[in-house]
PDB file of N, CA and C in Angstrom:
ATOM      1  N   MET A   1      55.763  39.650 -70.997  1.00  0.00           N
ATOM      2  CA  MET A   1      54.731  38.637 -70.972  1.00  0.00           C
ATOM      3  C   MET A   1      54.210  38.511 -69.549  1.00  0.00           C
ATOM      4  N   LEU A   2      52.946  38.434 -69.391  1.00  0.00           N
ATOM      5  CA  LEU A   2      52.323  38.408 -68.082  1.00  0.00           C
ATOM      6  C   LEU A   2      52.741  37.184 -67.275  1.00  0.00           C
ATOM      7  N   LEU A   3      52.812  36.026 -67.884  1.00  0.00           N
ATOM      8  CA  LEU A   3      53.172  34.819 -67.149  1.00  0.00           C
ATOM      9  C   LEU A   3      54.564  34.932 -66.561  1.00  0.00           C
ATOM     10  N   ALA A   4      55.484  35.485 -67.306  1.00  0.00           N
ATOM     11  CA  ALA A   4      56.851  35.654 -66.802  1.00  0.00           C
ATOM     12  C   ALA A   4      56.856  36.614 -65.624  1.00  0.00           C
ATOM     13  N   ALA A   5      56.071  37.655 -65.697  1.00  0.00           N
ATOM     14  CA  ALA A   5      55.993  38.604 -64.585  1.00  0.00           C
ATOM     15  C   ALA A   5      55.400  37.919 -63.366  1.00  0.00           C
ATOM     16  N   ASP A   6      54.373  37.102 -63.561  1.00  0.00           N
ATOM     17  CA  ASP A   6      53.782  36.374 -62.447  1.00  0.00           C
ATOM     18  C   ASP A   6      54.801  35.450 -61.807  1.00  0.00           C
ATOM     19  N   ALA A   7      55.579  34.754 -62.599  1.00  0.00           N
ATOM     20  CA  ALA A   7      56.593  33.840 -62.089  1.00  0.00           C
ATOM     21  C   ALA A   7      57.650  34.599 -61.296  1.00  0.00           C
ATOM     22  N   ALA A   8      58.055  35.747 -61.779  1.00  0.00           N
ATOM     23  CA  ALA A   8      59.060  36.545 -61.080  1.00  0.00           C
ATOM     24  C   ALA A   8      58.514  37.039 -59.744  1.00  0.00           C
ATOM     25  N   GLU A   9      57.267  37.485 -59.731  1.00  0.00           N
ATOM     26  CA  GLU A   9      56.659  37.947 -58.485  1.00  0.00           C
ATOM     27  C   GLU A   9      56.531  36.797 -57.496  1.00  0.00           C
ATOM     28  N   THR A  10      56.154  35.635 -57.986  1.00  0.00           N
ATOM     29  CA  THR A  10      55.997  34.469 -57.126  1.00  0.00           C
ATOM     30  C   THR A  10      57.323  34.069 -56.510  1.00  0.00           C
ATOM     31  N   ALA A  11      58.387  34.140 -57.270  1.00  0.00           N
ATOM     32  CA  ALA A  11      59.711  33.786 -56.760  1.00  0.00           C
ATOM     33  C   ALA A  11      60.082  34.680 -55.585  1.00  0.00           C
ATOM     34  N   HIS A  12      59.672  35.921 -55.627  1.00  0.00           N
ATOM     35  CA  HIS A  12      59.966  36.851 -54.544  1.00  0.00           C
ATOM     36  C   HIS A  12      59.021  36.655 -53.356  1.00  0.00           C
ATOM     37  N   ALA A  13      57.957  35.902 -53.550  1.00  0.00           N
ATOM     38  CA  ALA A  13      56.981  35.698 -52.488  1.00  0.00           C
ATOM     39  C   ALA A  13      57.372  34.543 -51.568  1.00  0.00           C
ATOM     40  N   GLY A  14      58.555  33.977 -51.758  1.00  0.00           N
ATOM     41  CA  GLY A  14      59.020  32.926 -50.876  1.00  0.00           C
ATOM     42  C   GLY A  14      58.714  31.523 -51.342  1.00  0.00           C
ATOM     43  N   ILE A  15      58.329  31.356 -52.581  1.00  0.00           N
ATOM     44  CA  ILE A  15      58.083  30.023 -53.120  1.00  0.00           C
ATOM     45  C   ILE A  15      59.393  29.472 -53.649  1.00  0.00           C
ATOM     46  N   ALA A  16      59.683  28.249 -53.259  1.00  0.00           N
ATOM     47  CA  ALA A  16      60.935  27.616 -53.663  1.00  0.00           C
ATOM     48  C   ALA A  16      60.956  27.383 -55.175  1.00  0.00           C
ATOM     49  N   PRO A  17      62.125  27.498 -55.787  1.00  0.00           N
ATOM     50  CA  PRO A  17      62.232  27.289 -57.236  1.00  0.00           C
ATOM     51  C   PRO A  17      61.700  25.935 -57.696  1.00  0.00           C
ATOM     52  N   ASP A  18      61.889  24.883 -56.909  1.00  0.00           N
ATOM     53  CA  ASP A  18      61.381  23.572 -57.316  1.00  0.00           C
ATOM     54  C   ASP A  18      59.855  23.532 -57.288  1.00  0.00           C
ATOM     55  N   GLN A  19      59.238  24.270 -56.361  1.00  0.00           N
ATOM     56  CA  GLN A  19      57.782  24.347 -56.328  1.00  0.00           C
ATOM     57  C   GLN A  19      57.252  25.116 -57.534  1.00  0.00           C
ATOM     58  N   LEU A  20      57.936  26.187 -57.889  1.00  0.00           N
ATOM     59  CA  LEU A  20      57.545  26.971 -59.055  1.00  0.00           C
ATOM     60  C   LEU A  20      57.670  26.137 -60.325  1.00  0.00           C
ATOM     61  N   GLN A  21      58.750  25.377 -60.427  1.00  0.00           N
ATOM     62  CA  GLN A  21      58.961  24.520 -61.592  1.00  0.00           C
ATOM     63  C   GLN A  21      57.859  23.462 -61.677  1.00  0.00           C
ATOM     64  N   LEU A  22      57.490  22.859 -60.553  1.00  0.00           N
ATOM     65  CA  LEU A  22      56.412  21.872 -60.522  1.00  0.00           C
ATOM     66  C   LEU A  22      55.102  22.490 -61.008  1.00  0.00           C
ATOM     67  N   PHE A  23      54.805  23.691 -60.512  1.00  0.00           N
ATOM     68  CA  PHE A  23      53.589  24.381 -60.930  1.00  0.00           C
ATOM     69  C   PHE A  23      53.594  24.651 -62.427  1.00  0.00           C
ATOM     70  N   GLU A  24      54.693  25.205 -62.932  1.00  0.00           N
ATOM     71  CA  GLU A  24      54.768  25.551 -64.354  1.00  0.00           C
ATOM     72  C   GLU A  24      54.693  24.315 -65.254  1.00  0.00           C
ATOM     73  N   LYS A  25      55.247  23.219 -64.801  1.00  0.00           N
ATOM     74  CA  LYS A  25      55.292  22.007 -65.623  1.00  0.00           C
ATOM     75  C   LYS A  25      53.998  21.197 -65.548  1.00  0.00           C
ATOM     76  N   ASN A  26      53.408  21.092 -64.358  1.00  0.00           N
ATOM     77  CA  ASN A  26      52.303  20.161 -64.166  1.00  0.00           C
ATOM     78  C   ASN A  26      50.942  20.798 -63.931  1.00  0.00           C
ATOM     79  N   ILE A  27      50.913  21.967 -63.357  1.00  0.00           N
ATOM     80  CA  ILE A  27      49.629  22.554 -62.975  1.00  0.00           C
ATOM     81  C   ILE A  27      49.153  23.610 -63.959  1.00  0.00           C
ATOM     82  N   ARG A  28      50.038  24.544 -64.325  1.00  0.00           N
ATOM     83  CA  ARG A  28      49.628  25.605 -65.245  1.00  0.00           C
ATOM     84  C   ARG A  28      49.059  25.062 -66.558  1.00  0.00           C
ATOM     85  N   PRO A  29      49.660  24.010 -67.157  1.00  0.00           N
ATOM     86  CA  PRO A  29      49.081  23.488 -68.409  1.00  0.00           C
ATOM     87  C   PRO A  29      47.637  23.005 -68.248  1.00  0.00           C
ATOM     88  N   VAL A  30      47.313  22.418 -67.113  1.00  0.00           N
ATOM     89  CA  VAL A  30      45.937  21.974 -66.861  1.00  0.00           C
ATOM     90  C   VAL A  30      45.013  23.175 -66.740  1.00  0.00           C
ATOM     91  N   LEU A  31      45.453  24.205 -66.028  1.00  0.00           N
ATOM     92  CA  LEU A  31      44.647  25.413 -65.904  1.00  0.00           C
ATOM     93  C   LEU A  31      44.398  26.054 -67.266  1.00  0.00           C
ATOM     94  N   VAL A  32      45.429  26.134 -68.074  1.00  0.00           N
ATOM     95  CA  VAL A  32      45.295  26.729 -69.402  1.00  0.00           C
ATOM     96  C   VAL A  32      44.320  25.916 -70.248  1.00  0.00           C
ATOM     97  N   LYS A  33      44.471  24.614 -70.207  1.00  0.00           N
ATOM     98  CA  LYS A  33      43.653  23.729 -71.043  1.00  0.00           C
ATOM     99  C   LYS A  33      42.194  23.713 -70.598  1.00  0.00           C
ATOM    100  N   ASP A  34      41.952  23.661 -69.294  1.00  0.00           N
ATOM    101  CA  ASP A  34      40.608  23.382 -68.802  1.00  0.00           C
ATOM    102  C   ASP A  34      39.897  24.544 -68.110  1.00  0.00           C
ATOM    103  N   CYS A  35      40.612  25.573 -67.701  1.00  0.00           N
ATOM    104  CA  CYS A  35      39.979  26.586 -66.839  1.00  0.00           C
ATOM    105  C   CYS A  35      39.961  27.996 -67.417  1.00  0.00           C
ATOM    106  N   TYR A  36      41.041  28.404 -68.073  1.00  0.00           N
ATOM    107  CA  TYR A  36      41.171  29.803 -68.474  1.00  0.00           C
ATOM    108  C   TYR A  36      40.094  30.256 -69.445  1.00  0.00           C
ATOM    109  N   LYS A  37      39.607  29.352 -70.295  1.00  0.00           N
ATOM    110  CA  LYS A  37      38.635  29.808 -71.291  1.00  0.00           C
ATOM    111  C   LYS A  37      37.356  30.343 -70.638  1.00  0.00           C
ATOM    112  N   CYS A  38      37.028  29.869 -69.443  1.00  0.00           N
ATOM    113  CA  CYS A  38      35.835  30.356 -68.753  1.00  0.00           C
ATOM    114  C   CYS A  38      36.144  31.271 -67.572  1.00  0.00           C
ATOM    115  N   HIS A  39      37.328  31.111 -66.981  1.00  0.00           N
ATOM    116  CA  HIS A  39      37.591  31.784 -65.713  1.00  0.00           C
ATOM    117  C   HIS A  39      38.653  32.882 -65.786  1.00  0.00           C
ATOM    118  N   ALA A  40      39.221  33.123 -66.930  1.00  0.00           N
ATOM    119  CA  ALA A  40      40.218  34.174 -67.059  1.00  0.00           C
ATOM    120  C   ALA A  40      39.522  35.535 -67.192  1.00  0.00           C
ATOM    121  N   ASP A  41      40.207  36.600 -66.823  1.00  0.00           N
ATOM    122  CA  ASP A  41      39.629  37.939 -66.894  1.00  0.00           C
ATOM    123  C   ASP A  41      39.118  38.275 -68.283  1.00  0.00           C
ATOM    124  N   TYR A  42      39.878  37.873 -69.311  1.00  0.00           N
ATOM    125  CA  TYR A  42      39.461  38.229 -70.668  1.00  0.00           C
ATOM    126  C   TYR A  42      38.188  37.516 -71.089  1.00  0.00           C
ATOM    127  N   SER A  43      37.788  36.430 -70.425  1.00  0.00           N
ATOM    128  CA  SER A  43      36.572  35.722 -70.800  1.00  0.00           C
ATOM    129  C   SER A  43      35.319  36.475 -70.380  1.00  0.00           C
ATOM    130  N   ARG A  44      35.472  37.455 -69.509  1.00  0.00           N
ATOM    131  CA  ARG A  44      34.326  38.227 -69.012  1.00  0.00           C
ATOM    132  C   ARG A  44      33.971  39.390 -69.919  1.00  0.00           C
ATOM    133  N   GLU A  45      34.763  39.618 -70.929  1.00  0.00           N
ATOM    134  CA  GLU A  45      34.510  40.756 -71.825  1.00  0.00           C
ATOM    135  C   GLU A  45      33.384  40.476 -72.792  1.00  0.00           C
TER     136      GLU A  45
END
């Protein structure tokens, strides 16, 4: 799954686990709900 791969790459980029958890819990859901339908790569097809 792409999201899991992104999370794994981010963990190696020096982001603290608590920051990653905050992003996954509070920020990613907003992006999915409000942004991805227009701004994701697949929307350009």
